[in-house]
Amino acid sequence: MATMTNLYQNPQSTITTHHDTYPYISPSKFTESLKGKVILLTGAGRGIGRASALAFAAAGANVACISRTHSDIHALVQEIAQRGYPRAIAIAADVADADAPARAVGEVQGELGPIDVLINNAGISRISDMEHEHSIGAAMEVVEVNVRGAWNLIHAVIPSMIERKSGVIINVVSVLATISLPYFSAYSAAKAALVRSTHIMDLELRPHGIYSYAVHPCMSKNTTLGQGALNLEAHEKVEGLQRFMEDFTHSMTDTVELPADTLVALAADPDAKYMSGKYIDSTQDLGMVLEEARKGPESRIEREGLYILKVDTL
């Protein structure tokens, strides 16, 4: 079976791809832009979320770290303090809980001030075929956490952002929203919903000075997204699923610092606004993408409708 990289990367693209961080997105470039800013980051305890919290802190921002597991974010906040970075706070919360977002946002505003950047990174996955998905509950939980969790936080932060006419919202999505792979129906659907809602959200919020992005982070082994996601019955009974998982795992060659630093750059680089509302692949060189995006209506991005999730028809 082809690797994930072969499946989703355009072989004719002129954009350089990366598997690790690179100078254009280095947090050290953005210390003046992010100094004193307040970042609300979900799923901050491990993997990409943890790396992102450290990257924003290194860039001079104050970081509110949300996770369901308090021990993970408590240790993270302690590390941020030990490194001499600005303030960081830990908030234990389940983003899919309808009451948690308003409580968390209120706590952040009370401790750190108004939220400048929201990163919806919390997510879970499910790997199963339809035949052996005997309970729809596991699939629906994926939708609840990935979609409802993000929408809950967006709904909680936008009143203040609209009032201040300033803000950045970044939804961490997945390339699986843009390609067709078996066994990821729930996860792909949830992430596709986030991509499309980011497109629509931009139409509504950009007039208020709020920029939004849907970001595919990377393919990395150093995340916990897949823990507990595999339907073991399907893995045992479905021909080809075991080989599929082996090939899928072998495709995970990116570092978590790559998406972490990309998120910092999108939040801080003033030219990122040219990609507001778009799907962004962290493995693509952001500098090269923004160079084309700066051309505005004459760019290939706008003329050809690139970085938008859509259905092409005759």
C-alpha atoms as a PDB file:
ATOM      1  CA  MET A   1       0.000   0.000   0.000  1.00  0.00           C
ATOM      2  CA  ALA A   2       1.204   3.516  -0.736  1.00  0.00           C
ATOM      3  CA  THR A   3       2.426   5.546   2.182  1.00  0.00           C
ATOM      4  CA  MET A   4       0.409   8.440   3.555  1.00  0.00           C
ATOM      5  CA  THR A   5       3.000  10.841   2.167  1.00  0.00           C
ATOM      6  CA  ASN A   6       2.493   9.501  -1.348  1.00  0.00           C
ATOM      7  CA  LEU A   7      -1.261   9.670  -0.962  1.00  0.00           C
ATOM      8  CA  TYR A   8      -1.685  13.277   0.120  1.00  0.00           C
ATOM      9  CA  GLN A   9       1.267  15.247  -1.209  1.00  0.00           C
ATOM     10  CA  ASN A  10       0.948  16.658  -4.702  1.00  0.00           C
ATOM     11  CA  PRO A  11       3.978  15.323  -6.627  1.00  0.00           C
ATOM     12  CA  GLN A  12       3.776  18.311  -8.988  1.00  0.00           C
ATOM     13  CA  SER A  13       3.832  20.926  -6.217  1.00  0.00           C
ATOM     14  CA  THR A  14       6.624  23.496  -6.288  1.00  0.00           C
ATOM     15  CA  ILE A  15       6.359  24.075  -2.531  1.00  0.00           C
ATOM     16  CA  THR A  16       9.188  22.695  -0.392  1.00  0.00           C
ATOM     17  CA  THR A  17       8.072  20.188   2.241  1.00  0.00           C
ATOM     18  CA  HIS A  18       9.484  19.808   5.753  1.00  0.00           C
ATOM     19  CA  HIS A  19       9.537  17.087   8.375  1.00  0.00           C
ATOM     20  CA  ASP A  20      11.016  19.269  11.122  1.00  0.00           C
ATOM     21  CA  THR A  21      10.945  22.943  12.072  1.00  0.00           C
ATOM     22  CA  TYR A  22      12.802  25.450   9.901  1.00  0.00           C
ATOM     23  CA  PRO A  23      13.974  29.098  10.208  1.00  0.00           C
ATOM     24  CA  TYR A  24      10.916  30.826   8.723  1.00  0.00           C
ATOM     25  CA  ILE A  25       8.657  29.594  11.521  1.00  0.00           C
ATOM     26  CA  SER A  26      11.140  29.843  14.410  1.00  0.00           C
ATOM     27  CA  PRO A  27       9.395  31.200  17.551  1.00  0.00           C
ATOM     28  CA  SER A  28      12.389  33.482  18.161  1.00  0.00           C
ATOM     29  CA  LYS A  29      11.240  35.567  15.165  1.00  0.00           C
ATOM     30  CA  PHE A  30       7.948  36.459  16.818  1.00  0.00           C
ATOM     31  CA  THR A  31       8.837  37.513  20.354  1.00  0.00           C
ATOM     32  CA  GLU A  32       7.864  41.130  19.693  1.00  0.00           C
ATOM     33  CA  SER A  33       4.556  40.152  18.090  1.00  0.00           C
ATOM     34  CA  LEU A  34       3.516  37.719  20.818  1.00  0.00           C
ATOM     35  CA  LYS A  35       4.958  39.359  23.921  1.00  0.00           C
ATOM     36  CA  GLY A  36       2.171  39.634  26.487  1.00  0.00           C
ATOM     37  CA  LYS A  37      -0.419  37.936  24.274  1.00  0.00           C
ATOM     38  CA  VAL A  38      -2.736  35.350  25.845  1.00  0.00           C
ATOM     39  CA  ILE A  39      -2.960  31.945  24.175  1.00  0.00           C
ATOM     40  CA  LEU A  40      -5.644  29.388  25.037  1.00  0.00           C
ATOM     41  CA  LEU A  41      -4.470  25.938  23.940  1.00  0.00           C
ATOM     42  CA  THR A  42      -6.500  22.742  24.278  1.00  0.00           C
ATOM     43  CA  GLY A  43      -5.023  19.262  24.316  1.00  0.00           C
ATOM     44  CA  ALA A  44      -1.903  20.822  25.775  1.00  0.00           C
ATOM     45  CA  GLY A  45      -0.706  17.958  27.933  1.00  0.00           C
ATOM     46  CA  ARG A  46       1.108  15.827  25.397  1.00  0.00           C
ATOM     47  CA  GLY A  47       2.426  15.593  21.850  1.00  0.00           C
ATOM     48  CA  ILE A  48       1.692  18.493  19.516  1.00  0.00           C
ATOM     49  CA  GLY A  49      -0.195  20.410  22.198  1.00  0.00           C
ATOM     50  CA  ARG A  50       2.687  20.255  24.638  1.00  0.00           C
ATOM     51  CA  ALA A  51       5.220  21.264  21.986  1.00  0.00           C
ATOM     52  CA  SER A  52       2.941  24.150  20.961  1.00  0.00           C
ATOM     53  CA  ALA A  53       2.622  25.430  24.528  1.00  0.00           C
ATOM     54  CA  LEU A  54       6.411  25.488  24.845  1.00  0.00           C
ATOM     55  CA  ALA A  55       6.769  27.205  21.457  1.00  0.00           C
ATOM     56  CA  PHE A  56       4.295  29.970  22.330  1.00  0.00           C
ATOM     57  CA  ALA A  57       5.925  30.432  25.722  1.00  0.00           C
ATOM     58  CA  ALA A  58       9.353  30.672  24.066  1.00  0.00           C
ATOM     59  CA  ALA A  59       7.923  33.410  21.825  1.00  0.00           C
ATOM     60  CA  GLY A  60       6.926  35.454  24.869  1.00  0.00           C
ATOM     61  CA  ALA A  61       3.228  34.651  25.140  1.00  0.00           C
ATOM     62  CA  ASN A  62       1.230  33.794  28.236  1.00  0.00           C
ATOM     63  CA  VAL A  63      -0.234  30.325  27.774  1.00  0.00           C
ATOM     64  CA  ALA A  64      -3.360  28.786  29.274  1.00  0.00           C
ATOM     65  CA  CYS A  65      -2.972  25.013  28.949  1.00  0.00           C
ATOM     66  CA  ILE A  66      -6.148  22.909  28.889  1.00  0.00           C
ATOM     67  CA  SER A  67      -6.232  19.130  29.153  1.00  0.00           C
ATOM     68  CA  ARG A  68      -8.392  16.450  30.719  1.00  0.00           C
ATOM     69  CA  THR A  69      -5.338  15.119  32.561  1.00  0.00           C
ATOM     70  CA  HIS A  70      -4.260  17.643  35.182  1.00  0.00           C
ATOM     71  CA  SER A  71      -0.941  15.937  35.955  1.00  0.00           C
ATOM     72  CA  ASP A  72       0.248  16.420  32.355  1.00  0.00           C
ATOM     73  CA  ILE A  73      -0.478  20.141  32.175  1.00  0.00           C
ATOM     74  CA  HIS A  74       0.715  20.762  35.735  1.00  0.00           C
ATOM     75  CA  ALA A  75       4.107  19.328  34.779  1.00  0.00           C
ATOM     76  CA  LEU A  76       4.084  21.406  31.583  1.00  0.00           C
ATOM     77  CA  VAL A  77       3.352  24.649  33.440  1.00  0.00           C
ATOM     78  CA  GLN A  78       6.151  23.870  35.875  1.00  0.00           C
ATOM     79  CA  GLU A  79       8.579  23.335  32.979  1.00  0.00           C
ATOM     80  CA  ILE A  80       7.555  26.637  31.384  1.00  0.00           C
ATOM     81  CA  ALA A  81       8.223  28.413  34.680  1.00  0.00           C
ATOM     82  CA  GLN A  82      11.582  26.683  35.113  1.00  0.00           C
ATOM     83  CA  ARG A  83      12.660  27.854  31.679  1.00  0.00           C
ATOM     84  CA  GLY A  84      11.959  31.448  32.689  1.00  0.00           C
ATOM     85  CA  TYR A  85       9.204  31.969  30.141  1.00  0.00           C
ATOM     86  CA  PRO A  86       6.152  34.202  30.766  1.00  0.00           C
ATOM     87  CA  ARG A  87       3.147  33.017  32.743  1.00  0.00           C
ATOM     88  CA  ALA A  88       1.403  29.742  32.083  1.00  0.00           C
ATOM     89  CA  ILE A  89      -1.601  28.272  33.857  1.00  0.00           C
ATOM     90  CA  ALA A  90      -3.092  24.779  33.901  1.00  0.00           C
ATOM     91  CA  ILE A  91      -6.822  24.173  33.555  1.00  0.00           C
ATOM     92  CA  ALA A  92      -8.222  20.643  33.769  1.00  0.00           C
ATOM     93  CA  ALA A  93     -11.307  20.470  31.559  1.00  0.00           C
ATOM     94  CA  ASP A  94     -13.084  18.291  29.024  1.00  0.00           C
ATOM     95  CA  VAL A  95     -13.722  20.462  25.972  1.00  0.00           C
ATOM     96  CA  ALA A  96     -16.742  18.366  24.987  1.00  0.00           C
ATOM     97  CA  ASP A  97     -18.450  19.233  28.275  1.00  0.00           C
ATOM     98  CA  ALA A  98     -20.961  21.971  27.459  1.00  0.00           C
ATOM     99  CA  ASP A  99     -20.194  23.886  30.671  1.00  0.00           C
ATOM    100  CA  ALA A 100     -16.402  23.631  30.573  1.00  0.00           C
ATOM    101  CA  PRO A 101     -15.529  26.231  27.896  1.00  0.00           C
ATOM    102  CA  ALA A 102     -17.241  29.192  29.533  1.00  0.00           C
ATOM    103  CA  ARG A 103     -15.696  28.240  32.868  1.00  0.00           C
ATOM    104  CA  ALA A 104     -12.231  27.840  31.335  1.00  0.00           C
ATOM    105  CA  VAL A 105     -12.432  31.092  29.367  1.00  0.00           C
ATOM    106  CA  GLY A 106     -13.562  32.951  32.482  1.00  0.00           C
ATOM    107  CA  GLU A 107     -10.659  31.510  34.448  1.00  0.00           C
ATOM    108  CA  VAL A 108      -8.157  32.465  31.749  1.00  0.00           C
ATOM    109  CA  GLN A 109      -9.494  36.005  31.494  1.00  0.00           C
ATOM    110  CA  GLY A 110      -9.349  36.380  35.266  1.00  0.00           C
ATOM    111  CA  GLU A 111      -5.774  35.057  35.515  1.00  0.00           C
ATOM    112  CA  LEU A 112      -4.141  36.269  32.301  1.00  0.00           C
ATOM    113  CA  GLY A 113      -6.506  38.713  30.588  1.00  0.00           C
ATOM    114  CA  PRO A 114      -8.498  38.604  27.335  1.00  0.00           C
ATOM    115  CA  ILE A 115      -7.693  35.724  25.000  1.00  0.00           C
ATOM    116  CA  ASP A 116      -5.848  36.754  21.846  1.00  0.00           C
ATOM    117  CA  VAL A 117      -5.344  33.327  20.250  1.00  0.00           C
ATOM    118  CA  LEU A 118      -7.417  30.150  20.546  1.00  0.00           C
ATOM    119  CA  ILE A 119      -5.823  26.878  19.450  1.00  0.00           C
ATOM    120  CA  ASN A 120      -8.342  24.034  19.186  1.00  0.00           C
ATOM    121  CA  ASN A 121      -5.932  21.131  19.357  1.00  0.00           C
ATOM    122  CA  ALA A 122      -7.771  18.629  21.553  1.00  0.00           C
ATOM    123  CA  GLY A 123      -8.878  15.580  19.647  1.00  0.00           C
ATOM    124  CA  ILE A 124      -9.377  11.825  19.648  1.00  0.00           C
ATOM    125  CA  SER A 125      -9.461   9.300  16.828  1.00  0.00           C
ATOM    126  CA  ARG A 126     -11.167   6.026  15.928  1.00  0.00           C
ATOM    127  CA  ILE A 127      -9.803   3.370  13.579  1.00  0.00           C
ATOM    128  CA  SER A 128     -12.378   0.818  12.473  1.00  0.00           C
ATOM    129  CA  ASP A 129     -14.354  -0.411   9.522  1.00  0.00           C
ATOM    130  CA  MET A 130     -18.129   0.077   9.528  1.00  0.00           C
ATOM    131  CA  GLU A 131     -18.975  -3.619   9.715  1.00  0.00           C
ATOM    132  CA  HIS A 132     -17.275  -4.164  13.069  1.00  0.00           C
ATOM    133  CA  GLU A 133     -18.241  -0.810  14.607  1.00  0.00           C
ATOM    134  CA  HIS A 134     -21.011  -2.424  16.662  1.00  0.00           C
ATOM    135  CA  SER A 135     -21.631   0.623  18.837  1.00  0.00           C
ATOM    136  CA  ILE A 136     -21.964   4.040  17.254  1.00  0.00           C
ATOM    137  CA  GLY A 137     -20.956   5.547  20.585  1.00  0.00           C
ATOM    138  CA  ALA A 138     -17.207   5.355  19.908  1.00  0.00           C
ATOM    139  CA  ALA A 139     -17.602   7.089  16.563  1.00  0.00           C
ATOM    140  CA  MET A 140     -19.873   9.784  17.945  1.00  0.00           C
ATOM    141  CA  GLU A 141     -17.424  10.510  20.759  1.00  0.00           C
ATOM    142  CA  VAL A 142     -14.884  11.409  18.058  1.00  0.00           C
ATOM    143  CA  VAL A 143     -17.337  13.941  16.657  1.00  0.00           C
ATOM    144  CA  GLU A 144     -18.161  15.269  20.126  1.00  0.00           C
ATOM    145  CA  VAL A 145     -14.540  15.928  21.092  1.00  0.00           C
ATOM    146  CA  ASN A 146     -13.213  17.131  17.742  1.00  0.00           C
ATOM    147  CA  VAL A 147     -16.181  19.202  16.580  1.00  0.00           C
ATOM    148  CA  ARG A 148     -18.323  20.079  19.553  1.00  0.00           C
ATOM    149  CA  GLY A 149     -15.238  20.695  21.668  1.00  0.00           C
ATOM    150  CA  ALA A 150     -13.857  23.186  19.156  1.00  0.00           C
ATOM    151  CA  TRP A 151     -17.188  24.920  18.615  1.00  0.00           C
ATOM    152  CA  ASN A 152     -17.714  25.212  22.372  1.00  0.00           C
ATOM    153  CA  LEU A 153     -14.448  27.112  22.757  1.00  0.00           C
ATOM    154  CA  ILE A 154     -15.007  29.274  19.678  1.00  0.00           C
ATOM    155  CA  HIS A 155     -18.431  30.268  20.960  1.00  0.00           C
ATOM    156  CA  ALA A 156     -16.902  31.172  24.326  1.00  0.00           C
ATOM    157  CA  VAL A 157     -14.047  33.356  23.032  1.00  0.00           C
ATOM    158  CA  ILE A 158     -15.565  35.273  20.120  1.00  0.00           C
ATOM    159  CA  PRO A 159     -17.620  37.826  22.112  1.00  0.00           C
ATOM    160  CA  SER A 160     -14.453  39.346  23.576  1.00  0.00           C
ATOM    161  CA  MET A 161     -12.596  39.085  20.260  1.00  0.00           C
ATOM    162  CA  ILE A 162     -15.427  40.818  18.417  1.00  0.00           C
ATOM    163  CA  GLU A 163     -15.532  43.552  21.053  1.00  0.00           C
ATOM    164  CA  ARG A 164     -11.774  44.127  20.691  1.00  0.00           C
ATOM    165  CA  LYS A 165     -11.871  43.628  16.888  1.00  0.00           C
ATOM    166  CA  SER A 166      -8.892  41.327  17.157  1.00  0.00           C
ATOM    167  CA  GLY A 167      -8.214  37.620  17.483  1.00  0.00           C
ATOM    168  CA  VAL A 168      -6.866  34.439  15.943  1.00  0.00           C
ATOM    169  CA  ILE A 169      -8.605  31.058  15.952  1.00  0.00           C
ATOM    170  CA  ILE A 170      -6.721  27.981  14.780  1.00  0.00           C
ATOM    171  CA  ASN A 171      -8.469  24.633  14.386  1.00  0.00           C
ATOM    172  CA  VAL A 172      -6.084  21.697  14.261  1.00  0.00           C
ATOM    173  CA  VAL A 173      -7.524  19.366  11.625  1.00  0.00           C
ATOM    174  CA  SER A 174      -6.044  16.525   9.561  1.00  0.00           C
ATOM    175  CA  VAL A 175      -5.110  15.657   6.021  1.00  0.00           C
ATOM    176  CA  LEU A 176      -7.594  12.797   6.451  1.00  0.00           C
ATOM    177  CA  ALA A 177     -10.307  15.383   5.855  1.00  0.00           C
ATOM    178  CA  THR A 178      -9.026  15.856   2.312  1.00  0.00           C
ATOM    179  CA  ILE A 179      -8.265  12.308   1.139  1.00  0.00           C
ATOM    180  CA  SER A 180     -10.179   9.028   1.188  1.00  0.00           C
ATOM    181  CA  LEU A 181      -8.650   6.348   3.394  1.00  0.00           C
ATOM    182  CA  PRO A 182     -10.520   3.380   4.859  1.00  0.00           C
ATOM    183  CA  TYR A 183     -11.051   2.871   8.593  1.00  0.00           C
ATOM    184  CA  PHE A 184     -11.156   6.580   9.532  1.00  0.00           C
ATOM    185  CA  SER A 185     -14.765   7.476   8.733  1.00  0.00           C
ATOM    186  CA  ALA A 186     -15.561   9.146  12.076  1.00  0.00           C
ATOM    187  CA  TYR A 187     -12.261  10.998  12.374  1.00  0.00           C
ATOM    188  CA  SER A 188     -12.247  12.112   8.733  1.00  0.00           C
ATOM    189  CA  ALA A 189     -15.825  13.341   9.021  1.00  0.00           C
ATOM    190  CA  ALA A 190     -15.081  15.280  12.200  1.00  0.00           C
ATOM    191  CA  LYS A 191     -12.004  16.952  10.770  1.00  0.00           C
ATOM    192  CA  ALA A 192     -13.760  17.730   7.481  1.00  0.00           C
ATOM    193  CA  ALA A 193     -16.467  19.452   9.509  1.00  0.00           C
ATOM    194  CA  LEU A 194     -13.826  21.579  11.197  1.00  0.00           C
ATOM    195  CA  VAL A 195     -12.208  22.485   7.885  1.00  0.00           C
ATOM    196  CA  ARG A 196     -15.510  23.561   6.354  1.00  0.00           C
ATOM    197  CA  SER A 197     -16.573  25.451   9.464  1.00  0.00           C
ATOM    198  CA  THR A 198     -13.253  27.321   9.360  1.00  0.00           C
ATOM    199  CA  HIS A 199     -13.979  28.393   5.766  1.00  0.00           C
ATOM    200  CA  ILE A 200     -17.420  29.659   6.775  1.00  0.00           C
ATOM    201  CA  MET A 201     -16.258  31.158  10.060  1.00  0.00           C
ATOM    202  CA  ASP A 202     -13.774  33.317   8.182  1.00  0.00           C
ATOM    203  CA  LEU A 203     -16.578  34.880   6.137  1.00  0.00           C
ATOM    204  CA  GLU A 204     -18.349  35.841   9.353  1.00  0.00           C
ATOM    205  CA  LEU A 205     -15.440  36.809  11.592  1.00  0.00           C
ATOM    206  CA  ARG A 206     -12.831  38.402   9.340  1.00  0.00           C
ATOM    207  CA  PRO A 207     -14.893  41.639   9.125  1.00  0.00           C
ATOM    208  CA  HIS A 208     -14.447  41.816  12.911  1.00  0.00           C
ATOM    209  CA  GLY A 209     -10.644  41.560  12.634  1.00  0.00           C
ATOM    210  CA  ILE A 210     -10.572  37.876  13.593  1.00  0.00           C
ATOM    211  CA  TYR A 211      -8.488  35.518  11.456  1.00  0.00           C
ATOM    212  CA  SER A 212      -8.960  31.760  11.392  1.00  0.00           C
ATOM    213  CA  TYR A 213      -7.068  28.774  10.024  1.00  0.00           C
ATOM    214  CA  ALA A 214      -7.573  25.008   9.667  1.00  0.00           C
ATOM    215  CA  VAL A 215      -4.171  23.383  10.109  1.00  0.00           C
ATOM    216  CA  HIS A 216      -3.073  19.859   9.291  1.00  0.00           C
ATOM    217  CA  PRO A 217      -0.265  19.429  11.821  1.00  0.00           C
ATOM    218  CA  CYS A 218       1.901  16.558  10.563  1.00  0.00           C
ATOM    219  CA  MET A 219       2.324  12.805  10.712  1.00  0.00           C
ATOM    220  CA  SER A 220       4.274  12.145  13.905  1.00  0.00           C
ATOM    221  CA  LYS A 221       4.818   9.144  16.128  1.00  0.00           C
ATOM    222  CA  ASN A 222       5.246  11.451  19.105  1.00  0.00           C
ATOM    223  CA  THR A 223       1.552  11.998  19.742  1.00  0.00           C
ATOM    224  CA  THR A 224      -1.045  10.159  21.798  1.00  0.00           C
ATOM    225  CA  LEU A 225      -3.904  10.720  19.340  1.00  0.00           C
ATOM    226  CA  GLY A 226      -4.072   7.084  18.310  1.00  0.00           C
ATOM    227  CA  GLN A 227      -3.920   5.577  21.791  1.00  0.00           C
ATOM    228  CA  GLY A 228      -7.010   3.435  22.307  1.00  0.00           C
ATOM    229  CA  ALA A 229      -8.345   4.402  18.868  1.00  0.00           C
ATOM    230  CA  LEU A 230      -8.008   1.038  17.168  1.00  0.00           C
ATOM    231  CA  ASN A 231     -11.016  -1.273  17.148  1.00  0.00           C
ATOM    232  CA  LEU A 232      -9.280  -4.500  18.158  1.00  0.00           C
ATOM    233  CA  GLU A 233     -12.016  -6.729  16.730  1.00  0.00           C
ATOM    234  CA  ALA A 234     -11.674  -5.051  13.343  1.00  0.00           C
ATOM    235  CA  HIS A 235      -7.889  -5.317  13.560  1.00  0.00           C
ATOM    236  CA  GLU A 236      -8.220  -9.049  14.086  1.00  0.00           C
ATOM    237  CA  LYS A 237     -10.908  -9.792  11.518  1.00  0.00           C
ATOM    238  CA  VAL A 238     -10.502  -7.306   8.644  1.00  0.00           C
ATOM    239  CA  GLU A 239      -8.138  -8.505   5.970  1.00  0.00           C
ATOM    240  CA  GLY A 240      -5.474  -5.899   5.274  1.00  0.00           C
ATOM    241  CA  LEU A 241      -6.072  -3.702   8.323  1.00  0.00           C
ATOM    242  CA  GLN A 242      -2.960  -4.904  10.134  1.00  0.00           C
ATOM    243  CA  ARG A 243      -0.783  -4.197   7.095  1.00  0.00           C
ATOM    244  CA  PHE A 244      -2.539  -0.859   6.665  1.00  0.00           C
ATOM    245  CA  MET A 245      -1.638   0.112  10.233  1.00  0.00           C
ATOM    246  CA  GLU A 246       1.987  -0.889   9.713  1.00  0.00           C
ATOM    247  CA  ASP A 247       2.260   1.262   6.588  1.00  0.00           C
ATOM    248  CA  PHE A 248       0.397   4.108   8.294  1.00  0.00           C
ATOM    249  CA  THR A 249       2.818   4.055  11.236  1.00  0.00           C
ATOM    250  CA  HIS A 250       5.852   4.011   8.947  1.00  0.00           C
ATOM    251  CA  SER A 251       4.594   7.243   7.360  1.00  0.00           C
ATOM    252  CA  MET A 252       4.810   9.106  10.680  1.00  0.00           C
ATOM    253  CA  THR A 253       8.196  10.755  10.215  1.00  0.00           C
ATOM    254  CA  ASP A 254       7.525  14.372  11.265  1.00  0.00           C
ATOM    255  CA  THR A 255       8.516  16.047  14.523  1.00  0.00           C
ATOM    256  CA  VAL A 256       5.952  17.718  16.801  1.00  0.00           C
ATOM    257  CA  GLU A 257       8.027  20.904  16.700  1.00  0.00           C
ATOM    258  CA  LEU A 258       7.052  21.379  13.043  1.00  0.00           C
ATOM    259  CA  PRO A 259       3.333  22.001  13.685  1.00  0.00           C
ATOM    260  CA  ALA A 260       4.029  23.735  16.996  1.00  0.00           C
ATOM    261  CA  ASP A 261       6.178  26.387  15.352  1.00  0.00           C
ATOM    262  CA  THR A 262       3.752  26.645  12.429  1.00  0.00           C
ATOM    263  CA  LEU A 263       0.955  27.528  14.851  1.00  0.00           C
ATOM    264  CA  VAL A 264       3.141  30.244  16.382  1.00  0.00           C
ATOM    265  CA  ALA A 265       3.914  31.695  12.960  1.00  0.00           C
ATOM    266  CA  LEU A 266       0.253  31.742  11.924  1.00  0.00           C
ATOM    267  CA  ALA A 267      -0.691  33.512  15.137  1.00  0.00           C
ATOM    268  CA  ALA A 268       2.079  36.098  14.872  1.00  0.00           C
ATOM    269  CA  ASP A 269       3.056  36.708  11.242  1.00  0.00           C
ATOM    270  CA  PRO A 270       0.980  39.638   9.912  1.00  0.00           C
ATOM    271  CA  ASP A 271       1.051  38.150   6.419  1.00  0.00           C
ATOM    272  CA  ALA A 272      -0.686  34.987   7.619  1.00  0.00           C
ATOM    273  CA  LYS A 273      -3.970  36.874   7.234  1.00  0.00           C
ATOM    274  CA  TYR A 274      -3.758  36.274   3.491  1.00  0.00           C
ATOM    275  CA  MET A 275      -4.475  32.611   4.247  1.00  0.00           C
ATOM    276  CA  SER A 276      -7.289  33.251   6.708  1.00  0.00           C
ATOM    277  CA  GLY A 277     -10.117  30.768   6.309  1.00  0.00           C
ATOM    278  CA  LYS A 278      -7.886  28.327   4.456  1.00  0.00           C
ATOM    279  CA  TYR A 279      -6.638  24.781   5.060  1.00  0.00           C
ATOM    280  CA  ILE A 280      -2.912  24.838   5.781  1.00  0.00           C
ATOM    281  CA  ASP A 281      -0.524  21.892   5.668  1.00  0.00           C
ATOM    282  CA  SER A 282       2.267  22.342   8.219  1.00  0.00           C
ATOM    283  CA  THR A 283       4.627  20.245   6.137  1.00  0.00           C
ATOM    284  CA  GLN A 284       4.496  22.823   3.324  1.00  0.00           C
ATOM    285  CA  ASP A 285       6.953  25.703   3.587  1.00  0.00           C
ATOM    286  CA  LEU A 286       4.835  28.510   5.034  1.00  0.00           C
ATOM    287  CA  GLY A 287       7.064  31.243   3.634  1.00  0.00           C
ATOM    288  CA  MET A 288       6.583  29.961   0.104  1.00  0.00           C
ATOM    289  CA  VAL A 289       2.820  29.608   0.561  1.00  0.00           C
ATOM    290  CA  LEU A 290       2.522  33.157   1.939  1.00  0.00           C
ATOM    291  CA  GLU A 291       4.669  34.525  -0.887  1.00  0.00           C
ATOM    292  CA  GLU A 292       2.017  33.322  -3.333  1.00  0.00           C
ATOM    293  CA  ALA A 293      -0.884  34.339  -1.071  1.00  0.00           C
ATOM    294  CA  ARG A 294       0.378  37.955  -0.882  1.00  0.00           C
ATOM    295  CA  LYS A 295      -0.513  38.358  -4.563  1.00  0.00           C
ATOM    296  CA  GLY A 296      -4.154  38.502  -3.491  1.00  0.00           C
ATOM    297  CA  PRO A 297      -6.815  37.898  -6.167  1.00  0.00           C
ATOM    298  CA  GLU A 298      -4.076  37.284  -8.750  1.00  0.00           C
ATOM    299  CA  SER A 299      -2.508  34.450  -6.762  1.00  0.00           C
ATOM    300  CA  ARG A 300      -2.911  30.857  -7.866  1.00  0.00           C
ATOM    301  CA  ILE A 301      -4.436  30.201  -4.462  1.00  0.00           C
ATOM    302  CA  GLU A 302      -7.393  32.475  -5.235  1.00  0.00           C
ATOM    303  CA  ARG A 303      -7.644  31.901  -8.982  1.00  0.00           C
ATOM    304  CA  GLU A 304      -7.665  28.110  -8.658  1.00  0.00           C
ATOM    305  CA  GLY A 305      -9.505  27.881  -5.353  1.00  0.00           C
ATOM    306  CA  LEU A 306      -6.628  26.136  -3.576  1.00  0.00           C
ATOM    307  CA  TYR A 307      -6.519  25.243   0.128  1.00  0.00           C
ATOM    308  CA  ILE A 308     -10.308  24.995   0.231  1.00  0.00           C
ATOM    309  CA  LEU A 309     -12.228  21.784   0.915  1.00  0.00           C
ATOM    310  CA  LYS A 310     -14.688  21.426  -1.969  1.00  0.00           C
ATOM    311  CA  VAL A 311     -16.250  19.065  -4.461  1.00  0.00           C
ATOM    312  CA  ASP A 312     -15.228  19.603  -8.072  1.00  0.00           C
ATOM    313  CA  THR A 313     -17.939  18.773 -10.630  1.00  0.00           C
ATOM    314  CA  LEU A 314     -18.287  18.761 -14.392  1.00  0.00           C
END
